[in-house]
Structures are given as C-alpha cells and as structure tokens.
Amino acid sequence: MYWGALPILHHQKNTVMKRDKIIYWIATGLVSAGMLMSAGMYLTKNPELMQTFRSVGYPDFFVPLLGTAKLLGAVILVIPVWNNLKEWAYAGFGFTFIGAIWTHVATSTPWIAPLVFLIILSVSYWFRTKLRTTQG
C-alpha cells in the first residue's frame, strides 16, 4: 500500500461518515417532528382524530396512551439516552406504524402516510446502526 494515500482514504472515510450523520439526523428529525405533531393532536384530543378513532372501533382511552408514547418516543430519539431506550423507541414506532398501516388498509382509508414514516424510521435506524458500528 502506498502510504501517501492514507490522507485521501482518511478524508473519504470522514466524508462518508459526515454524509451518514446528515442522513441519520434528517431522517430522525423528520420522524421525531412528525411524532411530536401527532402527539399534540392525540394529547389535545383533536375532534377529527377522535371521530376517526371511534369510526374504526378504537376506544377513547387509547388516544392519550398513544399520544404519551409518541411524545416520549420522539424525545428519546433525539436526546442522548441509553441505547436500549432508543431501541425501545424505534421498536415502538415500528409497531405503531405497522399497526396504523394495517388499520388503514382494513378500513379502506389512506395508508401512505404511515408507510412513508415507517420507511423514514427504517432509514434512521439503518444509519444509526451503521454509525454506531463505524464509531465503536
């Protein structure tokens, strides 16, 4: 190996890591912002949201429970906390988005939004895992 190439290889690695961090933070920020807005609607019991939940047969008590979980998960994704807690947030959002897709398909209502969020969540998780293995 030509040792003069080491600075170039190091620069390429830093450029890739920088790109990966940008993608990670954009995806994570989008999921977190979306879930914060959603949590606001859930916790204020938005009338349209409540009507939608009732029309598909979900109980009213489910709305503030989901709102609280979304709020906590959105915050956990963006603050430095234990890795296991972040894993739980990712899993919780994954189950939430899959459940939302399932519910929308079963009730013949638009299901694209939860699918898009599931994809963005997957991108965030992929790059989080990639960055953790590269750094650690």
N, C-alpha and C. Protein backbone atom coordinates (compact mmCIF):
# COMPACT_ATOMS: atom_id res chain seq x y z
N MET A 1 0.85 -1.18 0.00
CA MET A 1 0.00 0.00 0.00
C MET A 1 0.89 1.24 0.00
N TYR A 2 0.49 2.20 -0.78
CA TYR A 2 1.22 3.46 -0.86
C TYR A 2 0.81 4.34 0.31
N TRP A 3 1.71 4.67 1.20
CA TRP A 3 1.39 5.41 2.42
C TRP A 3 0.95 6.84 2.15
N GLY A 4 1.31 7.39 1.01
CA GLY A 4 0.86 8.74 0.67
C GLY A 4 -0.64 8.80 0.45
N ALA A 5 -1.29 7.65 0.23
CA ALA A 5 -2.74 7.61 0.01
C ALA A 5 -3.52 7.66 1.31
N LEU A 6 -2.88 7.47 2.44
CA LEU A 6 -3.59 7.44 3.72
C LEU A 6 -4.41 8.71 3.99
N PRO A 7 -3.88 9.91 3.76
CA PRO A 7 -4.72 11.10 3.99
C PRO A 7 -5.97 11.12 3.12
N ILE A 8 -5.86 10.62 1.89
CA ILE A 8 -7.02 10.58 0.99
C ILE A 8 -8.05 9.60 1.52
N LEU A 9 -7.60 8.41 1.93
CA LEU A 9 -8.53 7.41 2.47
C LEU A 9 -9.20 7.91 3.74
N HIS A 10 -8.43 8.57 4.59
CA HIS A 10 -8.98 9.13 5.82
C HIS A 10 -10.03 10.19 5.50
N HIS A 11 -9.74 11.03 4.50
CA HIS A 11 -10.68 12.08 4.08
C HIS A 11 -11.97 11.45 3.54
N GLN A 12 -11.83 10.39 2.73
CA GLN A 12 -13.02 9.73 2.18
C GLN A 12 -13.87 9.12 3.29
N LYS A 13 -13.22 8.52 4.28
CA LYS A 13 -13.95 7.92 5.40
C LYS A 13 -14.70 9.01 6.17
N ASN A 14 -14.04 10.15 6.42
CA ASN A 14 -14.69 11.25 7.13
C ASN A 14 -15.85 11.82 6.33
N THR A 15 -15.70 11.90 5.01
CA THR A 15 -16.77 12.41 4.15
C THR A 15 -17.98 11.48 4.20
N VAL A 16 -17.72 10.18 4.13
CA VAL A 16 -18.82 9.20 4.20
C VAL A 16 -19.51 9.27 5.56
N MET A 17 -18.73 9.34 6.64
CA MET A 17 -19.33 9.42 7.97
C MET A 17 -20.15 10.69 8.13
N LYS A 18 -19.65 11.79 7.58
CA LYS A 18 -20.38 13.06 7.66
C LYS A 18 -21.71 12.94 6.90
N ARG A 19 -21.65 12.35 5.70
CA ARG A 19 -22.87 12.14 4.92
C ARG A 19 -23.87 11.26 5.68
N ASP A 20 -23.37 10.18 6.27
CA ASP A 20 -24.23 9.26 7.02
C ASP A 20 -24.87 9.95 8.22
N LYS A 21 -24.11 10.80 8.90
CA LYS A 21 -24.66 11.54 10.04
C LYS A 21 -25.75 12.50 9.60
N ILE A 22 -25.54 13.15 8.46
CA ILE A 22 -26.56 14.08 7.95
C ILE A 22 -27.84 13.33 7.60
N ILE A 23 -27.69 12.21 6.91
CA ILE A 23 -28.88 11.40 6.56
C ILE A 23 -29.58 10.92 7.83
N TYR A 24 -28.80 10.44 8.79
CA TYR A 24 -29.37 9.96 10.06
C TYR A 24 -30.17 11.07 10.75
N TRP A 25 -29.56 12.25 10.89
CA TRP A 25 -30.24 13.33 11.61
C TRP A 25 -31.44 13.88 10.86
N ILE A 26 -31.40 13.91 9.55
CA ILE A 26 -32.57 14.35 8.79
C ILE A 26 -33.72 13.36 8.98
N ALA A 27 -33.44 12.07 8.81
CA ALA A 27 -34.48 11.05 8.97
C ALA A 27 -35.01 11.03 10.40
N THR A 28 -34.12 11.07 11.37
CA THR A 28 -34.53 11.05 12.78
C THR A 28 -35.34 12.30 13.12
N GLY A 29 -34.89 13.44 12.62
CA GLY A 29 -35.61 14.69 12.86
C GLY A 29 -37.00 14.67 12.26
N LEU A 30 -37.15 14.11 11.06
CA LEU A 30 -38.47 14.03 10.42
C LEU A 30 -39.42 13.14 11.23
N VAL A 31 -38.91 11.98 11.66
CA VAL A 31 -39.75 11.08 12.46
C VAL A 31 -40.13 11.76 13.77
N SER A 32 -39.15 12.33 14.43
CA SER A 32 -39.40 12.97 15.72
C SER A 32 -40.38 14.14 15.59
N ALA A 33 -40.19 14.98 14.59
CA ALA A 33 -41.10 16.12 14.38
C ALA A 33 -42.51 15.64 14.06
N GLY A 34 -42.61 14.63 13.21
CA GLY A 34 -43.93 14.09 12.89
C GLY A 34 -44.64 13.51 14.10
N MET A 35 -43.88 12.82 14.93
CA MET A 35 -44.49 12.21 16.11
C MET A 35 -44.82 13.25 17.18
N LEU A 36 -44.03 14.32 17.25
CA LEU A 36 -44.37 15.41 18.18
C LEU A 36 -45.67 16.09 17.76
N MET A 37 -45.83 16.33 16.46
CA MET A 37 -47.09 16.93 15.97
C MET A 37 -48.26 15.98 16.21
N SER A 38 -48.03 14.72 15.92
CA SER A 38 -49.08 13.72 16.14
C SER A 38 -49.44 13.63 17.62
N ALA A 39 -48.43 13.63 18.49
CA ALA A 39 -48.67 13.57 19.93
C ALA A 39 -49.50 14.77 20.39
N GLY A 40 -49.22 15.93 19.82
CA GLY A 40 -50.01 17.12 20.16
C GLY A 40 -51.48 16.93 19.82
N MET A 41 -51.75 16.37 18.65
CA MET A 41 -53.14 16.12 18.26
C MET A 41 -53.79 15.09 19.19
N TYR A 42 -53.04 14.06 19.52
CA TYR A 42 -53.58 13.00 20.38
C TYR A 42 -53.83 13.51 21.79
N LEU A 43 -52.88 14.25 22.33
CA LEU A 43 -53.00 14.69 23.73
C LEU A 43 -54.03 15.80 23.91
N THR A 44 -54.32 16.55 22.86
CA THR A 44 -55.38 17.57 22.94
C THR A 44 -56.72 17.00 22.50
N LYS A 45 -56.72 15.72 22.17
CA LYS A 45 -57.93 15.01 21.73
C LYS A 45 -58.63 15.77 20.61
N ASN A 46 -57.86 16.01 19.55
CA ASN A 46 -58.38 16.66 18.35
C ASN A 46 -59.70 16.01 17.94
N PRO A 47 -60.78 16.79 17.78
CA PRO A 47 -62.10 16.22 17.50
C PRO A 47 -62.13 15.33 16.25
N GLU A 48 -61.44 15.74 15.19
CA GLU A 48 -61.43 14.94 13.97
C GLU A 48 -60.72 13.61 14.21
N LEU A 49 -59.62 13.66 14.95
CA LEU A 49 -58.89 12.45 15.29
C LEU A 49 -59.75 11.52 16.14
N MET A 50 -60.43 12.09 17.13
CA MET A 50 -61.29 11.27 18.00
C MET A 50 -62.40 10.59 17.19
N GLN A 51 -62.98 11.31 16.25
CA GLN A 51 -64.03 10.75 15.40
C GLN A 51 -63.48 9.60 14.55
N THR A 52 -62.28 9.79 14.03
CA THR A 52 -61.65 8.74 13.22
C THR A 52 -61.40 7.50 14.06
N PHE A 53 -60.89 7.69 15.27
CA PHE A 53 -60.64 6.54 16.15
C PHE A 53 -61.94 5.81 16.47
N ARG A 54 -62.99 6.56 16.73
CA ARG A 54 -64.29 5.93 17.04
C ARG A 54 -64.83 5.18 15.83
N SER A 55 -64.63 5.76 14.63
CA SER A 55 -65.18 5.14 13.42
C SER A 55 -64.52 3.79 13.11
N VAL A 56 -63.27 3.60 13.52
CA VAL A 56 -62.61 2.31 13.28
C VAL A 56 -62.74 1.37 14.48
N GLY A 57 -63.39 1.83 15.54
CA GLY A 57 -63.67 0.96 16.67
C GLY A 57 -62.66 0.98 17.80
N TYR A 58 -61.71 1.92 17.79
CA TYR A 58 -60.76 2.01 18.90
C TYR A 58 -61.38 2.79 20.05
N PRO A 59 -61.11 2.38 21.29
CA PRO A 59 -61.66 3.10 22.44
C PRO A 59 -60.99 4.46 22.66
N ASP A 60 -61.72 5.38 23.27
CA ASP A 60 -61.21 6.73 23.52
C ASP A 60 -59.95 6.73 24.39
N PHE A 61 -59.85 5.81 25.35
CA PHE A 61 -58.70 5.82 26.25
C PHE A 61 -57.40 5.50 25.53
N PHE A 62 -57.49 4.94 24.34
CA PHE A 62 -56.31 4.58 23.56
C PHE A 62 -55.59 5.82 23.03
N VAL A 63 -56.33 6.92 22.81
CA VAL A 63 -55.76 8.13 22.21
C VAL A 63 -54.70 8.78 23.11
N PRO A 64 -55.00 9.10 24.38
CA PRO A 64 -53.95 9.71 25.21
C PRO A 64 -52.79 8.75 25.50
N LEU A 65 -53.06 7.45 25.54
CA LEU A 65 -51.99 6.47 25.73
C LEU A 65 -51.01 6.54 24.56
N LEU A 66 -51.53 6.52 23.33
CA LEU A 66 -50.68 6.63 22.15
C LEU A 66 -49.99 7.99 22.09
N GLY A 67 -50.71 9.04 22.45
CA GLY A 67 -50.13 10.38 22.44
C GLY A 67 -48.94 10.50 23.38
N THR A 68 -49.06 9.93 24.56
CA THR A 68 -47.97 9.95 25.52
C THR A 68 -46.78 9.14 25.02
N ALA A 69 -47.06 7.97 24.46
CA ALA A 69 -45.98 7.13 23.92
C ALA A 69 -45.27 7.83 22.76
N LYS A 70 -46.03 8.48 21.89
CA LYS A 70 -45.42 9.20 20.77
C LYS A 70 -44.56 10.36 21.26
N LEU A 71 -45.04 11.08 22.24
CA LEU A 71 -44.28 12.20 22.80
C LEU A 71 -42.96 11.71 23.40
N LEU A 72 -43.04 10.69 24.23
CA LEU A 72 -41.83 10.15 24.86
C LEU A 72 -40.86 9.59 23.82
N GLY A 73 -41.38 8.84 22.86
CA GLY A 73 -40.54 8.26 21.82
C GLY A 73 -39.85 9.31 20.97
N ALA A 74 -40.57 10.37 20.62
CA ALA A 74 -39.99 11.44 19.80
C ALA A 74 -38.84 12.12 20.52
N VAL A 75 -39.00 12.33 21.81
CA VAL A 75 -37.95 12.96 22.60
C VAL A 75 -36.76 12.01 22.75
N ILE A 76 -37.03 10.74 23.02
CA ILE A 76 -35.97 9.76 23.21
C ILE A 76 -35.11 9.61 21.96
N LEU A 77 -35.72 9.71 20.78
CA LEU A 77 -34.94 9.56 19.54
C LEU A 77 -33.88 10.64 19.36
N VAL A 78 -34.13 11.84 19.89
CA VAL A 78 -33.21 12.95 19.60
C VAL A 78 -32.31 13.36 20.77
N ILE A 79 -32.53 12.81 21.94
CA ILE A 79 -31.66 13.17 23.06
C ILE A 79 -30.70 12.02 23.36
N PRO A 80 -29.55 12.33 23.95
CA PRO A 80 -28.61 11.25 24.29
C PRO A 80 -29.09 10.48 25.52
N VAL A 81 -29.58 9.28 25.30
CA VAL A 81 -30.02 8.41 26.39
C VAL A 81 -29.44 7.02 26.16
N TRP A 82 -29.75 6.09 27.05
CA TRP A 82 -29.28 4.72 26.93
C TRP A 82 -29.69 4.15 25.58
N ASN A 83 -28.78 3.38 25.01
CA ASN A 83 -29.05 2.77 23.70
C ASN A 83 -30.26 1.86 23.74
N ASN A 84 -30.44 1.13 24.85
CA ASN A 84 -31.60 0.24 24.95
C ASN A 84 -32.92 1.01 24.91
N LEU A 85 -32.94 2.19 25.49
CA LEU A 85 -34.15 3.01 25.47
C LEU A 85 -34.45 3.48 24.05
N LYS A 86 -33.42 3.84 23.30
CA LYS A 86 -33.62 4.21 21.90
C LYS A 86 -34.14 3.01 21.10
N GLU A 87 -33.62 1.82 21.38
CA GLU A 87 -34.10 0.62 20.69
C GLU A 87 -35.59 0.42 20.93
N TRP A 88 -36.02 0.66 22.18
CA TRP A 88 -37.44 0.53 22.51
C TRP A 88 -38.27 1.58 21.76
N ALA A 89 -37.74 2.78 21.64
CA ALA A 89 -38.46 3.83 20.90
C ALA A 89 -38.60 3.44 19.43
N TYR A 90 -37.52 2.96 18.83
CA TYR A 90 -37.60 2.52 17.44
C TYR A 90 -38.61 1.38 17.28
N ALA A 91 -38.56 0.42 18.18
CA ALA A 91 -39.49 -0.72 18.11
C ALA A 91 -40.93 -0.23 18.28
N GLY A 92 -41.14 0.64 19.25
CA GLY A 92 -42.49 1.16 19.48
C GLY A 92 -43.04 1.89 18.28
N PHE A 93 -42.21 2.73 17.65
CA PHE A 93 -42.67 3.43 16.45
C PHE A 93 -42.89 2.46 15.30
N GLY A 94 -42.03 1.45 15.20
CA GLY A 94 -42.23 0.44 14.16
C GLY A 94 -43.58 -0.26 14.31
N PHE A 95 -43.90 -0.69 15.54
CA PHE A 95 -45.20 -1.32 15.79
C PHE A 95 -46.35 -0.35 15.53
N THR A 96 -46.16 0.90 15.92
CA THR A 96 -47.21 1.91 15.72
C THR A 96 -47.48 2.11 14.24
N PHE A 97 -46.42 2.26 13.44
CA PHE A 97 -46.61 2.49 12.00
C PHE A 97 -47.19 1.27 11.31
N ILE A 98 -46.72 0.08 11.68
CA ILE A 98 -47.27 -1.14 11.08
C ILE A 98 -48.74 -1.28 11.46
N GLY A 99 -49.07 -1.01 12.73
CA GLY A 99 -50.47 -1.07 13.16
C GLY A 99 -51.33 -0.04 12.45
N ALA A 100 -50.77 1.15 12.22
CA ALA A 100 -51.52 2.18 11.51
C ALA A 100 -51.77 1.78 10.06
N ILE A 101 -50.75 1.21 9.41
CA ILE A 101 -50.93 0.74 8.03
C ILE A 101 -52.01 -0.32 7.98
N TRP A 102 -51.91 -1.27 8.90
CA TRP A 102 -52.88 -2.37 8.96
C TRP A 102 -54.30 -1.82 9.15
N THR A 103 -54.47 -0.90 10.09
CA THR A 103 -55.77 -0.33 10.37
C THR A 103 -56.32 0.42 9.15
N HIS A 104 -55.47 1.22 8.51
CA HIS A 104 -55.92 1.97 7.34
C HIS A 104 -56.30 1.06 6.18
N VAL A 105 -55.52 0.02 5.94
CA VAL A 105 -55.85 -0.92 4.87
C VAL A 105 -57.16 -1.63 5.20
N ALA A 106 -57.33 -2.06 6.45
CA ALA A 106 -58.54 -2.78 6.85
C ALA A 106 -59.79 -1.91 6.78
N THR A 107 -59.62 -0.61 6.94
CA THR A 107 -60.78 0.29 6.93
C THR A 107 -60.89 1.09 5.63
N SER A 108 -60.07 0.71 4.65
CA SER A 108 -60.08 1.38 3.33
C SER A 108 -59.91 2.89 3.45
N THR A 109 -58.97 3.31 4.31
CA THR A 109 -58.63 4.72 4.44
C THR A 109 -57.18 4.89 3.99
N PRO A 110 -56.75 6.12 3.69
CA PRO A 110 -55.39 6.31 3.17
C PRO A 110 -54.31 5.79 4.11
N TRP A 111 -53.40 4.98 3.55
CA TRP A 111 -52.36 4.32 4.35
C TRP A 111 -50.95 4.75 3.95
N ILE A 112 -50.82 5.68 3.03
CA ILE A 112 -49.50 6.07 2.54
C ILE A 112 -48.67 6.76 3.63
N ALA A 113 -49.27 7.67 4.41
CA ALA A 113 -48.51 8.42 5.42
C ALA A 113 -47.81 7.50 6.42
N PRO A 114 -48.49 6.52 7.03
CA PRO A 114 -47.76 5.66 7.97
C PRO A 114 -46.69 4.82 7.27
N LEU A 115 -46.90 4.46 6.00
CA LEU A 115 -45.88 3.73 5.26
C LEU A 115 -44.64 4.60 5.04
N VAL A 116 -44.85 5.86 4.68
CA VAL A 116 -43.73 6.78 4.48
C VAL A 116 -42.96 6.95 5.79
N PHE A 117 -43.68 7.10 6.90
CA PHE A 117 -43.00 7.24 8.20
C PHE A 117 -42.26 5.96 8.58
N LEU A 118 -42.80 4.81 8.23
CA LEU A 118 -42.10 3.55 8.51
C LEU A 118 -40.80 3.48 7.70
N ILE A 119 -40.84 3.93 6.47
CA ILE A 119 -39.63 3.94 5.64
C ILE A 119 -38.60 4.91 6.21
N ILE A 120 -39.04 6.11 6.58
CA ILE A 120 -38.12 7.10 7.15
C ILE A 120 -37.53 6.58 8.48
N LEU A 121 -38.36 5.95 9.30
CA LEU A 121 -37.88 5.35 10.54
C LEU A 121 -36.82 4.29 10.25
N SER A 122 -37.05 3.49 9.23
CA SER A 122 -36.09 2.45 8.86
C SER A 122 -34.77 3.06 8.40
N VAL A 123 -34.83 4.16 7.66
CA VAL A 123 -33.61 4.86 7.23
C VAL A 123 -32.86 5.37 8.46
N SER A 124 -33.59 5.98 9.39
CA SER A 124 -32.96 6.48 10.61
C SER A 124 -32.28 5.34 11.36
N TYR A 125 -32.97 4.24 11.53
CA TYR A 125 -32.42 3.11 12.27
C TYR A 125 -31.21 2.52 11.56
N TRP A 126 -31.30 2.37 10.24
CA TRP A 126 -30.20 1.83 9.44
C TRP A 126 -28.94 2.66 9.64
N PHE A 127 -29.07 3.99 9.51
CA PHE A 127 -27.90 4.85 9.63
C PHE A 127 -27.42 4.95 11.08
N ARG A 128 -28.32 4.86 12.04
CA ARG A 128 -27.89 4.83 13.45
C ARG A 128 -27.02 3.61 13.70
N THR A 129 -27.47 2.46 13.21
CA THR A 129 -26.71 1.22 13.38
C THR A 129 -25.38 1.31 12.64
N LYS A 130 -25.40 1.84 11.44
CA LYS A 130 -24.17 1.97 10.65
C LYS A 130 -23.16 2.88 11.35
N LEU A 131 -23.64 4.00 11.87
CA LEU A 131 -22.74 4.94 12.55
C LEU A 131 -22.20 4.35 13.85
N ARG A 132 -23.02 3.61 14.57
CA ARG A 132 -22.56 3.01 15.83
C ARG A 132 -21.50 1.96 15.59
N THR A 133 -21.62 1.17 14.52
CA THR A 133 -20.60 0.14 14.24
C THR A 133 -19.32 0.75 13.68
N THR A 134 -19.46 1.88 12.97
CA THR A 134 -18.29 2.56 12.42
C THR A 134 -17.50 3.25 13.53
N GLN A 135 -18.21 3.85 14.47
CA GLN A 135 -17.56 4.60 15.55
C GLN A 135 -17.07 3.71 16.67
N GLY A 136 -17.80 2.63 16.92
CA GLY A 136 -17.46 1.81 18.06
C GLY A 136 -16.61 0.69 17.70
